Amino acid sequence: MIEDKQIIDFLQRKGALEILVDIGDGPKRHTDLREKLLMSSSTIHERLTTGMQLDLWKQSLQEQPSGVSAKVYELTDLGLEVWDAAKKEDLRRYHMGRRDAVRQVRNAENAVLREVSPQDAEWWDEINSEIEIESFETQKRLDEYFTD
């Protein structure tokens, strides 16, 4: 049971619970989170720093397959308590569905902009190409997300 309102306030901030849930699946580097989540690097950094200050996760060094050690974040006992509650609510599935939906919207928006822009326009390269969607059945996830 969390009795510190500061922790509850933090967990309500954009991305805080999403980061916690992702770290709960196993230690993560800042880079891992940045590649997966739809947040800026600075937002992720701020959430990681604050989460450590609130004792939701800790930072340690983990040897990578390349032989180089990297900073990773893993849940503390307090973070595991929140993660257990998040698992009961299947929060990870909802986060994944939302990320895929946002990526699909961005891809459709970019397709529209490319269609209405001349290919020789100076801004053509500034229109992002397709954003990769995570490799699982997106539509199934979206259907589950909207019917639950």
C-alpha atoms as a PDB file:
ATOM      1  CA  MET A   1       0.000   0.000   0.000  1.00  0.00           C
ATOM      2  CA  ILE A   2       1.436   3.366  -1.020  1.00  0.00           C
ATOM      3  CA  GLU A   3       0.825   6.040   1.571  1.00  0.00           C
ATOM      4  CA  ASP A   4       3.008   8.760   0.063  1.00  0.00           C
ATOM      5  CA  LYS A   5       0.886  11.107  -2.058  1.00  0.00           C
ATOM      6  CA  GLN A   6       4.034  12.288  -3.860  1.00  0.00           C
ATOM      7  CA  ILE A   7       4.423   8.790  -5.353  1.00  0.00           C
ATOM      8  CA  ILE A   8       0.771   8.670  -6.435  1.00  0.00           C
ATOM      9  CA  ASP A   9       1.117  12.144  -7.981  1.00  0.00           C
ATOM     10  CA  PHE A  10       4.222  11.002  -9.865  1.00  0.00           C
ATOM     11  CA  LEU A  11       2.548   7.830 -11.147  1.00  0.00           C
ATOM     12  CA  GLN A  12      -0.237   9.979 -12.608  1.00  0.00           C
ATOM     13  CA  ARG A  13       2.242  11.927 -14.742  1.00  0.00           C
ATOM     14  CA  LYS A  14       2.441  11.108 -18.431  1.00  0.00           C
ATOM     15  CA  GLY A  15       4.505   8.003 -19.011  1.00  0.00           C
ATOM     16  CA  ALA A  16       5.409   7.204 -15.406  1.00  0.00           C
ATOM     17  CA  LEU A  17       3.284   4.062 -15.135  1.00  0.00           C
ATOM     18  CA  GLU A  18       4.150   3.082 -18.695  1.00  0.00           C
ATOM     19  CA  ILE A  19       7.852   3.204 -17.818  1.00  0.00           C
ATOM     20  CA  LEU A  20       7.252   1.260 -14.608  1.00  0.00           C
ATOM     21  CA  VAL A  21       5.329  -1.450 -16.460  1.00  0.00           C
ATOM     22  CA  ASP A  22       8.038  -1.722 -19.101  1.00  0.00           C
ATOM     23  CA  ILE A  23      10.806  -1.972 -16.493  1.00  0.00           C
ATOM     24  CA  GLY A  24       8.710  -4.615 -14.708  1.00  0.00           C
ATOM     25  CA  ASP A  25       9.151  -6.909 -17.704  1.00  0.00           C
ATOM     26  CA  GLY A  26      12.896  -6.866 -17.064  1.00  0.00           C
ATOM     27  CA  PRO A  27      15.745  -4.382 -16.619  1.00  0.00           C
ATOM     28  CA  LYS A  28      15.735  -1.651 -19.278  1.00  0.00           C
ATOM     29  CA  ARG A  29      18.244   0.897 -20.521  1.00  0.00           C
ATOM     30  CA  HIS A  30      17.181   4.464 -21.251  1.00  0.00           C
ATOM     31  CA  THR A  31      17.771   3.615 -24.923  1.00  0.00           C
ATOM     32  CA  ASP A  32      15.395   0.624 -24.736  1.00  0.00           C
ATOM     33  CA  LEU A  33      12.652   2.851 -23.344  1.00  0.00           C
ATOM     34  CA  ARG A  34      13.283   5.634 -25.858  1.00  0.00           C
ATOM     35  CA  GLU A  35      12.994   3.200 -28.782  1.00  0.00           C
ATOM     36  CA  LYS A  36       9.745   1.713 -27.526  1.00  0.00           C
ATOM     37  CA  LEU A  37       7.779   4.488 -25.856  1.00  0.00           C
ATOM     38  CA  LEU A  38       6.198   7.507 -27.502  1.00  0.00           C
ATOM     39  CA  MET A  39       7.971  10.016 -25.275  1.00  0.00           C
ATOM     40  CA  SER A  40      10.861  12.375 -25.727  1.00  0.00           C
ATOM     41  CA  SER A  41      14.248  11.414 -24.376  1.00  0.00           C
ATOM     42  CA  SER A  42      14.089  14.300 -21.900  1.00  0.00           C
ATOM     43  CA  THR A  43      10.694  13.147 -20.558  1.00  0.00           C
ATOM     44  CA  ILE A  44      11.996   9.613 -20.112  1.00  0.00           C
ATOM     45  CA  HIS A  45      15.124  10.925 -18.383  1.00  0.00           C
ATOM     46  CA  GLU A  46      13.054  13.081 -16.022  1.00  0.00           C
ATOM     47  CA  ARG A  47      10.703  10.188 -15.175  1.00  0.00           C
ATOM     48  CA  LEU A  48      13.621   7.789 -14.600  1.00  0.00           C
ATOM     49  CA  THR A  49      15.349  10.271 -12.283  1.00  0.00           C
ATOM     50  CA  THR A  50      12.193  11.011 -10.298  1.00  0.00           C
ATOM     51  CA  GLY A  51      11.229   7.324 -10.104  1.00  0.00           C
ATOM     52  CA  MET A  52      14.641   6.555  -8.603  1.00  0.00           C
ATOM     53  CA  GLN A  53      14.268   9.391  -6.080  1.00  0.00           C
ATOM     54  CA  LEU A  54      10.895   7.940  -5.063  1.00  0.00           C
ATOM     55  CA  ASP A  55      12.414   4.440  -4.776  1.00  0.00           C
ATOM     56  CA  LEU A  56      10.226   2.891  -7.506  1.00  0.00           C
ATOM     57  CA  TRP A  57      13.257   1.642  -9.438  1.00  0.00           C
ATOM     58  CA  LYS A  58      16.995   1.627  -9.084  1.00  0.00           C
ATOM     59  CA  GLN A  59      19.857   1.955 -11.504  1.00  0.00           C
ATOM     60  CA  SER A  60      22.595  -0.643 -11.826  1.00  0.00           C
ATOM     61  CA  LEU A  61      25.197  -1.780 -14.335  1.00  0.00           C
ATOM     62  CA  GLN A  62      24.451  -4.809 -16.481  1.00  0.00           C
ATOM     63  CA  GLU A  63      26.846  -6.445 -18.911  1.00  0.00           C
ATOM     64  CA  GLN A  64      25.470  -6.410 -22.452  1.00  0.00           C
ATOM     65  CA  PRO A  65      25.979  -9.137 -25.080  1.00  0.00           C
ATOM     66  CA  SER A  66      28.653  -6.879 -26.623  1.00  0.00           C
ATOM     67  CA  GLY A  67      30.647  -7.192 -23.393  1.00  0.00           C
ATOM     68  CA  VAL A  68      30.137  -3.533 -22.472  1.00  0.00           C
ATOM     69  CA  SER A  69      28.328  -2.639 -19.250  1.00  0.00           C
ATOM     70  CA  ALA A  70      25.296  -0.383 -19.509  1.00  0.00           C
ATOM     71  CA  LYS A  71      23.126   1.416 -16.961  1.00  0.00           C
ATOM     72  CA  VAL A  72      19.809  -0.364 -16.549  1.00  0.00           C
ATOM     73  CA  TYR A  73      16.752   0.341 -14.448  1.00  0.00           C
ATOM     74  CA  GLU A  74      14.985  -2.341 -12.443  1.00  0.00           C
ATOM     75  CA  LEU A  75      12.098  -2.217 -10.021  1.00  0.00           C
ATOM     76  CA  THR A  76      12.528  -1.982  -6.268  1.00  0.00           C
ATOM     77  CA  ASP A  77      10.148  -3.725  -3.863  1.00  0.00           C
ATOM     78  CA  LEU A  78       7.890  -0.668  -3.958  1.00  0.00           C
ATOM     79  CA  GLY A  79       7.948  -0.652  -7.762  1.00  0.00           C
ATOM     80  CA  LEU A  80       7.137  -4.376  -7.811  1.00  0.00           C
ATOM     81  CA  GLU A  81       4.073  -3.688  -5.653  1.00  0.00           C
ATOM     82  CA  VAL A  82       2.787  -1.223  -8.254  1.00  0.00           C
ATOM     83  CA  TRP A  83       3.772  -3.568 -11.093  1.00  0.00           C
ATOM     84  CA  ASP A  84       1.757  -6.412  -9.545  1.00  0.00           C
ATOM     85  CA  ALA A  85      -1.326  -4.161  -9.478  1.00  0.00           C
ATOM     86  CA  ALA A  86      -0.649  -3.103 -13.082  1.00  0.00           C
ATOM     87  CA  LYS A  87      -0.427  -6.757 -14.148  1.00  0.00           C
ATOM     88  CA  LYS A  88      -3.825  -7.454 -12.589  1.00  0.00           C
ATOM     89  CA  GLU A  89      -5.289  -4.658 -14.719  1.00  0.00           C
ATOM     90  CA  ASP A  90      -3.345  -5.849 -17.801  1.00  0.00           C
ATOM     91  CA  LEU A  91      -2.013  -2.315 -18.161  1.00  0.00           C
ATOM     92  CA  ARG A  92       0.822  -3.379 -20.482  1.00  0.00           C
ATOM     93  CA  ARG A  93      -1.691  -4.548 -23.095  1.00  0.00           C
ATOM     94  CA  TYR A  94      -3.469  -1.186 -22.972  1.00  0.00           C
ATOM     95  CA  HIS A  95      -0.197   0.720 -23.309  1.00  0.00           C
ATOM     96  CA  MET A  96       0.760  -1.380 -26.333  1.00  0.00           C
ATOM     97  CA  GLY A  97      -2.632  -0.838 -27.942  1.00  0.00           C
ATOM     98  CA  ARG A  98      -2.421   2.907 -27.420  1.00  0.00           C
ATOM     99  CA  ARG A  99       1.127   3.100 -28.842  1.00  0.00           C
ATOM    100  CA  ASP A 100       0.116   1.170 -31.930  1.00  0.00           C
ATOM    101  CA  ALA A 101      -2.995   3.302 -32.421  1.00  0.00           C
ATOM    102  CA  VAL A 102      -0.896   6.495 -32.200  1.00  0.00           C
ATOM    103  CA  ARG A 103       1.637   5.066 -34.664  1.00  0.00           C
ATOM    104  CA  GLN A 104      -1.142   4.135 -37.096  1.00  0.00           C
ATOM    105  CA  VAL A 105      -2.621   7.633 -36.884  1.00  0.00           C
ATOM    106  CA  ARG A 106       0.804   9.210 -37.479  1.00  0.00           C
ATOM    107  CA  ASN A 107       1.405   6.921 -40.473  1.00  0.00           C
ATOM    108  CA  ALA A 108      -1.963   7.854 -41.968  1.00  0.00           C
ATOM    109  CA  GLU A 109      -1.313  11.556 -41.387  1.00  0.00           C
ATOM    110  CA  ASN A 110       2.108  11.294 -43.026  1.00  0.00           C
ATOM    111  CA  ALA A 111       0.602   9.447 -45.991  1.00  0.00           C
ATOM    112  CA  VAL A 112      -1.897  12.281 -46.478  1.00  0.00           C
ATOM    113  CA  LEU A 113       0.854  14.908 -46.310  1.00  0.00           C
ATOM    114  CA  ARG A 114       2.996  13.015 -48.826  1.00  0.00           C
ATOM    115  CA  GLU A 115       0.026  12.612 -51.152  1.00  0.00           C
ATOM    116  CA  VAL A 116      -0.753  16.321 -51.207  1.00  0.00           C
ATOM    117  CA  SER A 117       2.885  17.474 -51.404  1.00  0.00           C
ATOM    118  CA  PRO A 118       4.909  17.589 -54.626  1.00  0.00           C
ATOM    119  CA  GLN A 119       7.770  15.093 -54.473  1.00  0.00           C
ATOM    120  CA  ASP A 120      10.282  17.791 -55.344  1.00  0.00           C
ATOM    121  CA  ALA A 121       9.120  20.071 -52.505  1.00  0.00           C
ATOM    122  CA  GLU A 122      11.895  21.127 -50.160  1.00  0.00           C
ATOM    123  CA  TRP A 123       9.909  19.810 -47.178  1.00  0.00           C
ATOM    124  CA  TRP A 124       9.298  16.327 -48.658  1.00  0.00           C
ATOM    125  CA  ASP A 125      12.067  14.721 -46.586  1.00  0.00           C
ATOM    126  CA  GLU A 126      10.727  16.353 -43.430  1.00  0.00           C
ATOM    127  CA  ILE A 127       7.523  14.312 -43.673  1.00  0.00           C
ATOM    128  CA  ASN A 128       8.295  11.273 -41.588  1.00  0.00           C
ATOM    129  CA  SER A 129       8.126   7.994 -43.401  1.00  0.00           C
ATOM    130  CA  GLU A 130       6.154   5.136 -41.886  1.00  0.00           C
ATOM    131  CA  ILE A 131       6.656   4.579 -38.201  1.00  0.00           C
ATOM    132  CA  GLU A 132       7.293   0.941 -37.418  1.00  0.00           C
ATOM    133  CA  ILE A 133       4.463  -0.733 -35.553  1.00  0.00           C
ATOM    134  CA  GLU A 134       5.380  -3.327 -32.952  1.00  0.00           C
ATOM    135  CA  SER A 135       5.292  -6.858 -34.277  1.00  0.00           C
ATOM    136  CA  PHE A 136       2.076  -8.277 -32.924  1.00  0.00           C
ATOM    137  CA  GLU A 137      -1.501  -8.338 -34.103  1.00  0.00           C
ATOM    138  CA  THR A 138      -2.293  -4.650 -33.895  1.00  0.00           C
ATOM    139  CA  GLN A 139      -5.927  -4.875 -34.844  1.00  0.00           C
ATOM    140  CA  LYS A 140      -6.546  -7.618 -32.315  1.00  0.00           C
ATOM    141  CA  ARG A 141      -4.989  -5.467 -29.613  1.00  0.00           C
ATOM    142  CA  LEU A 142      -7.049  -2.458 -30.628  1.00  0.00           C
ATOM    143  CA  ASP A 143     -10.238  -4.528 -30.638  1.00  0.00           C
ATOM    144  CA  GLU A 144      -9.430  -5.816 -27.145  1.00  0.00           C
ATOM    145  CA  TYR A 145      -8.572  -2.285 -25.992  1.00  0.00           C
ATOM    146  CA  PHE A 146     -11.856  -0.777 -27.120  1.00  0.00           C
ATOM    147  CA  THR A 147     -14.105  -3.656 -26.030  1.00  0.00           C
ATOM    148  CA  ASP A 148     -12.800  -4.069 -22.468  1.00  0.00           C
END
